[in-house]
């Protein structure tokens, strides 16, 4: 239902149909952040910190948008953090349909005060404020993933 300029209610005649699901896949250039991706495979997660202004970036950036410098340190995350938020995925998004069981995604603040998103495992009753161990590994489909494991 829409209104005309004279405030008359007019039934909309626009017909709609649903599109087919679309798959968009492309190659992501990682040349300048290879250390991050290699680290995930090795079980290390890095963030960057600008040497000039001290700003921390995750996902890592090699150019500081604050002071426009290219001089950054690559710093590995501490191995613990605290859950800030989480959700259990019942309906898998495109690209994740091979996972048959529901999975939990969480946002964790590391001891370095960096926020990171990853998969929460071995947490029967997750809650905000729960302490987790932070790690990474390759999934069966070959993609690296950040993993949080409950320590409480």
C-alpha atoms as a PDB file:
ATOM      1  CA  UNK A   1       0.000   0.000   0.000  1.00  0.00           C
ATOM      2  CA  UNK A   2       1.310   3.473  -0.892  1.00  0.00           C
ATOM      3  CA  UNK A   3      -0.047   7.003  -0.735  1.00  0.00           C
ATOM      4  CA  UNK A   4      -0.389   9.443  -3.618  1.00  0.00           C
ATOM      5  CA  UNK A   5       0.356  13.185  -3.398  1.00  0.00           C
ATOM      6  CA  UNK A   6      -3.275  13.776  -2.414  1.00  0.00           C
ATOM      7  CA  UNK A   7      -2.936  11.190   0.424  1.00  0.00           C
ATOM      8  CA  UNK A   8      -5.078   8.595  -1.319  1.00  0.00           C
ATOM      9  CA  UNK A   9      -4.209   4.998  -0.465  1.00  0.00           C
ATOM     10  CA  UNK A  10      -3.355   2.998  -3.579  1.00  0.00           C
ATOM     11  CA  UNK A  11      -2.640  -0.727  -3.721  1.00  0.00           C
ATOM     12  CA  UNK A  12       0.883  -1.409  -4.977  1.00  0.00           C
ATOM     13  CA  UNK A  13       0.983  -3.334  -8.240  1.00  0.00           C
ATOM     14  CA  UNK A  14       4.655  -4.261  -8.101  1.00  0.00           C
ATOM     15  CA  UNK A  15       5.041  -8.005  -8.482  1.00  0.00           C
ATOM     16  CA  UNK A  16       8.063  -9.740  -7.002  1.00  0.00           C
ATOM     17  CA  UNK A  17       9.705 -13.123  -7.246  1.00  0.00           C
ATOM     18  CA  UNK A  18      12.633 -14.501  -5.277  1.00  0.00           C
ATOM     19  CA  UNK A  19      15.996 -14.810  -6.961  1.00  0.00           C
ATOM     20  CA  UNK A  20      18.066 -17.957  -6.928  1.00  0.00           C
ATOM     21  CA  UNK A  21      20.775 -18.166  -4.282  1.00  0.00           C
ATOM     22  CA  UNK A  22      23.944 -16.558  -5.556  1.00  0.00           C
ATOM     23  CA  UNK A  23      27.504 -17.667  -4.950  1.00  0.00           C
ATOM     24  CA  UNK A  24      30.162 -14.998  -5.211  1.00  0.00           C
ATOM     25  CA  UNK A  25      33.700 -16.231  -4.822  1.00  0.00           C
ATOM     26  CA  UNK A  26      36.861 -14.323  -5.602  1.00  0.00           C
ATOM     27  CA  UNK A  27      40.533 -14.318  -4.750  1.00  0.00           C
ATOM     28  CA  UNK A  28      41.450 -12.029  -1.859  1.00  0.00           C
ATOM     29  CA  UNK A  29      44.848 -10.358  -2.168  1.00  0.00           C
ATOM     30  CA  UNK A  30      46.844 -11.053   1.002  1.00  0.00           C
ATOM     31  CA  UNK A  31      50.396 -10.175  -0.053  1.00  0.00           C
ATOM     32  CA  UNK A  32      50.845  -7.481   2.606  1.00  0.00           C
ATOM     33  CA  UNK A  33      49.101  -9.461   5.371  1.00  0.00           C
ATOM     34  CA  UNK A  34      50.527 -12.913   4.644  1.00  0.00           C
ATOM     35  CA  UNK A  35      51.908 -13.052   8.208  1.00  0.00           C
ATOM     36  CA  UNK A  36      48.315 -13.054   9.532  1.00  0.00           C
ATOM     37  CA  UNK A  37      47.156 -15.945   7.300  1.00  0.00           C
ATOM     38  CA  UNK A  38      50.325 -17.983   7.836  1.00  0.00           C
ATOM     39  CA  UNK A  39      49.932 -17.395  11.573  1.00  0.00           C
ATOM     40  CA  UNK A  40      46.403 -18.804  11.574  1.00  0.00           C
ATOM     41  CA  UNK A  41      47.700 -21.998   9.969  1.00  0.00           C
ATOM     42  CA  UNK A  42      50.458 -22.181  12.617  1.00  0.00           C
ATOM     43  CA  UNK A  43      48.000 -21.575  15.471  1.00  0.00           C
ATOM     44  CA  UNK A  44      48.962 -17.928  16.053  1.00  0.00           C
ATOM     45  CA  UNK A  45      46.682 -14.928  15.664  1.00  0.00           C
ATOM     46  CA  UNK A  46      48.217 -11.527  15.014  1.00  0.00           C
ATOM     47  CA  UNK A  47      47.059  -7.955  15.252  1.00  0.00           C
ATOM     48  CA  UNK A  48      49.060  -4.904  14.191  1.00  0.00           C
ATOM     49  CA  UNK A  49      50.077  -1.881  16.225  1.00  0.00           C
ATOM     50  CA  UNK A  50      51.262   1.355  14.643  1.00  0.00           C
ATOM     51  CA  UNK A  51      54.770   2.211  15.820  1.00  0.00           C
ATOM     52  CA  UNK A  52      54.092   5.957  15.563  1.00  0.00           C
ATOM     53  CA  UNK A  53      50.657   6.490  17.153  1.00  0.00           C
ATOM     54  CA  UNK A  54      50.130   3.191  19.009  1.00  0.00           C
ATOM     55  CA  UNK A  55      46.729   2.340  17.459  1.00  0.00           C
ATOM     56  CA  UNK A  56      45.947  -1.395  17.411  1.00  0.00           C
ATOM     57  CA  UNK A  57      44.221  -3.034  14.448  1.00  0.00           C
ATOM     58  CA  UNK A  58      42.374  -6.268  14.071  1.00  0.00           C
ATOM     59  CA  UNK A  59      41.965  -7.474  11.429  1.00  0.00           C
ATOM     60  CA  UNK A  60      45.572  -6.423  10.923  1.00  0.00           C
ATOM     61  CA  UNK A  61      46.343  -3.426   8.762  1.00  0.00           C
ATOM     62  CA  UNK A  62      49.746  -2.495   7.428  1.00  0.00           C
ATOM     63  CA  UNK A  63      48.808   1.140   6.775  1.00  0.00           C
ATOM     64  CA  UNK A  64      47.668   3.139   9.814  1.00  0.00           C
ATOM     65  CA  UNK A  65      44.521   5.091   8.886  1.00  0.00           C
ATOM     66  CA  UNK A  66      45.008   7.360  11.914  1.00  0.00           C
ATOM     67  CA  UNK A  67      48.495   8.724  11.207  1.00  0.00           C
ATOM     68  CA  UNK A  68      48.992   7.382   7.652  1.00  0.00           C
ATOM     69  CA  UNK A  69      52.222   5.541   8.481  1.00  0.00           C
ATOM     70  CA  UNK A  70      53.261   2.105   7.186  1.00  0.00           C
ATOM     71  CA  UNK A  71      55.439   1.146  10.125  1.00  0.00           C
ATOM     72  CA  UNK A  72      53.575  -1.439  12.230  1.00  0.00           C
ATOM     73  CA  UNK A  73      54.485  -4.192  14.655  1.00  0.00           C
ATOM     74  CA  UNK A  74      52.925  -7.637  14.232  1.00  0.00           C
ATOM     75  CA  UNK A  75      51.860  -8.773  17.702  1.00  0.00           C
ATOM     76  CA  UNK A  76      50.491 -12.234  18.557  1.00  0.00           C
ATOM     77  CA  UNK A  77      47.313 -12.284  20.636  1.00  0.00           C
ATOM     78  CA  UNK A  78      47.502 -13.379  24.208  1.00  0.00           C
ATOM     79  CA  UNK A  79      45.988 -16.848  24.491  1.00  0.00           C
ATOM     80  CA  UNK A  80      43.046 -15.833  26.717  1.00  0.00           C
ATOM     81  CA  UNK A  81      40.062 -13.549  26.453  1.00  0.00           C
ATOM     82  CA  UNK A  82      36.558 -12.893  27.718  1.00  0.00           C
ATOM     83  CA  UNK A  83      33.303 -13.434  25.790  1.00  0.00           C
ATOM     84  CA  UNK A  84      31.520 -10.155  25.027  1.00  0.00           C
ATOM     85  CA  UNK A  85      28.739 -11.648  22.872  1.00  0.00           C
ATOM     86  CA  UNK A  86      27.781 -14.924  21.204  1.00  0.00           C
ATOM     87  CA  UNK A  87      25.122 -16.537  19.031  1.00  0.00           C
ATOM     88  CA  UNK A  88      24.340 -20.094  17.990  1.00  0.00           C
ATOM     89  CA  UNK A  89      23.882 -20.556  14.252  1.00  0.00           C
ATOM     90  CA  UNK A  90      20.947 -22.784  13.325  1.00  0.00           C
ATOM     91  CA  UNK A  91      20.613 -21.785   9.659  1.00  0.00           C
ATOM     92  CA  UNK A  92      23.940 -21.908   7.890  1.00  0.00           C
ATOM     93  CA  UNK A  93      24.882 -19.002   5.621  1.00  0.00           C
ATOM     94  CA  UNK A  94      26.015 -19.658   2.080  1.00  0.00           C
ATOM     95  CA  UNK A  95      29.473 -21.210   2.131  1.00  0.00           C
ATOM     96  CA  UNK A  96      28.908 -22.951   5.503  1.00  0.00           C
ATOM     97  CA  UNK A  97      26.204 -25.451   4.571  1.00  0.00           C
ATOM     98  CA  UNK A  98      28.632 -28.392   4.877  1.00  0.00           C
ATOM     99  CA  UNK A  99      28.508 -28.023   8.677  1.00  0.00           C
ATOM    100  CA  UNK A 100      25.683 -30.293   9.776  1.00  0.00           C
ATOM    101  CA  UNK A 101      25.537 -29.321  13.451  1.00  0.00           C
ATOM    102  CA  UNK A 102      24.692 -25.868  14.790  1.00  0.00           C
ATOM    103  CA  UNK A 103      27.773 -23.903  15.798  1.00  0.00           C
ATOM    104  CA  UNK A 104      28.396 -20.962  18.104  1.00  0.00           C
ATOM    105  CA  UNK A 105      30.116 -17.751  17.035  1.00  0.00           C
ATOM    106  CA  UNK A 106      31.470 -15.415  19.732  1.00  0.00           C
ATOM    107  CA  UNK A 107      33.115 -12.035  20.003  1.00  0.00           C
ATOM    108  CA  UNK A 108      35.935 -12.091  22.542  1.00  0.00           C
ATOM    109  CA  UNK A 109      38.040  -9.305  23.990  1.00  0.00           C
ATOM    110  CA  UNK A 110      41.638 -10.422  24.380  1.00  0.00           C
ATOM    111  CA  UNK A 111      43.907  -9.473  27.263  1.00  0.00           C
ATOM    112  CA  UNK A 112      45.427  -7.025  24.743  1.00  0.00           C
ATOM    113  CA  UNK A 113      42.024  -5.233  24.558  1.00  0.00           C
ATOM    114  CA  UNK A 114      41.500  -6.364  20.949  1.00  0.00           C
ATOM    115  CA  UNK A 115      38.081  -7.717  19.904  1.00  0.00           C
ATOM    116  CA  UNK A 116      38.019 -10.812  17.708  1.00  0.00           C
ATOM    117  CA  UNK A 117      35.272 -13.058  16.324  1.00  0.00           C
ATOM    118  CA  UNK A 118      35.594 -16.828  16.098  1.00  0.00           C
ATOM    119  CA  UNK A 119      34.025 -20.230  16.740  1.00  0.00           C
ATOM    120  CA  UNK A 120      33.235 -21.137  20.352  1.00  0.00           C
ATOM    121  CA  UNK A 121      33.753 -24.800  21.177  1.00  0.00           C
ATOM    122  CA  UNK A 122      33.395 -27.014  24.243  1.00  0.00           C
ATOM    123  CA  UNK A 123      31.115 -24.561  26.030  1.00  0.00           C
ATOM    124  CA  UNK A 124      27.920 -26.309  27.124  1.00  0.00           C
ATOM    125  CA  UNK A 125      26.438 -23.164  28.681  1.00  0.00           C
ATOM    126  CA  UNK A 126      28.270 -20.167  27.201  1.00  0.00           C
ATOM    127  CA  UNK A 127      27.798 -16.805  28.859  1.00  0.00           C
ATOM    128  CA  UNK A 128      29.006 -13.257  28.561  1.00  0.00           C
ATOM    129  CA  UNK A 129      32.060 -12.786  30.771  1.00  0.00           C
ATOM    130  CA  UNK A 130      33.249 -16.389  30.387  1.00  0.00           C
ATOM    131  CA  UNK A 131      37.013 -16.786  30.043  1.00  0.00           C
ATOM    132  CA  UNK A 132      38.168 -18.652  26.941  1.00  0.00           C
ATOM    133  CA  UNK A 133      41.405 -19.887  25.448  1.00  0.00           C
ATOM    134  CA  UNK A 134      42.135 -18.441  21.989  1.00  0.00           C
ATOM    135  CA  UNK A 135      43.642 -20.486  19.160  1.00  0.00           C
ATOM    136  CA  UNK A 136      43.264 -21.284  15.486  1.00  0.00           C
ATOM    137  CA  UNK A 137      43.277 -24.261  13.140  1.00  0.00           C
ATOM    138  CA  UNK A 138      42.320 -25.388   9.671  1.00  0.00           C
ATOM    139  CA  UNK A 139      38.750 -26.594   9.230  1.00  0.00           C
ATOM    140  CA  UNK A 140      38.037 -29.779   7.236  1.00  0.00           C
ATOM    141  CA  UNK A 141      37.188 -27.585   4.228  1.00  0.00           C
ATOM    142  CA  UNK A 142      40.738 -26.134   4.332  1.00  0.00           C
ATOM    143  CA  UNK A 143      39.872 -22.671   5.648  1.00  0.00           C
ATOM    144  CA  UNK A 144      41.633 -21.347   8.755  1.00  0.00           C
ATOM    145  CA  UNK A 145      39.365 -20.426  11.657  1.00  0.00           C
ATOM    146  CA  UNK A 146      39.792 -18.767  15.042  1.00  0.00           C
ATOM    147  CA  UNK A 147      38.682 -21.051  17.868  1.00  0.00           C
ATOM    148  CA  UNK A 148      37.660 -20.167  21.427  1.00  0.00           C
ATOM    149  CA  UNK A 149      37.629 -22.959  24.012  1.00  0.00           C
ATOM    150  CA  UNK A 150      35.958 -22.552  27.388  1.00  0.00           C
ATOM    151  CA  UNK A 151      38.349 -22.618  30.352  1.00  0.00           C
ATOM    152  CA  UNK A 152      35.767 -22.256  33.177  1.00  0.00           C
END
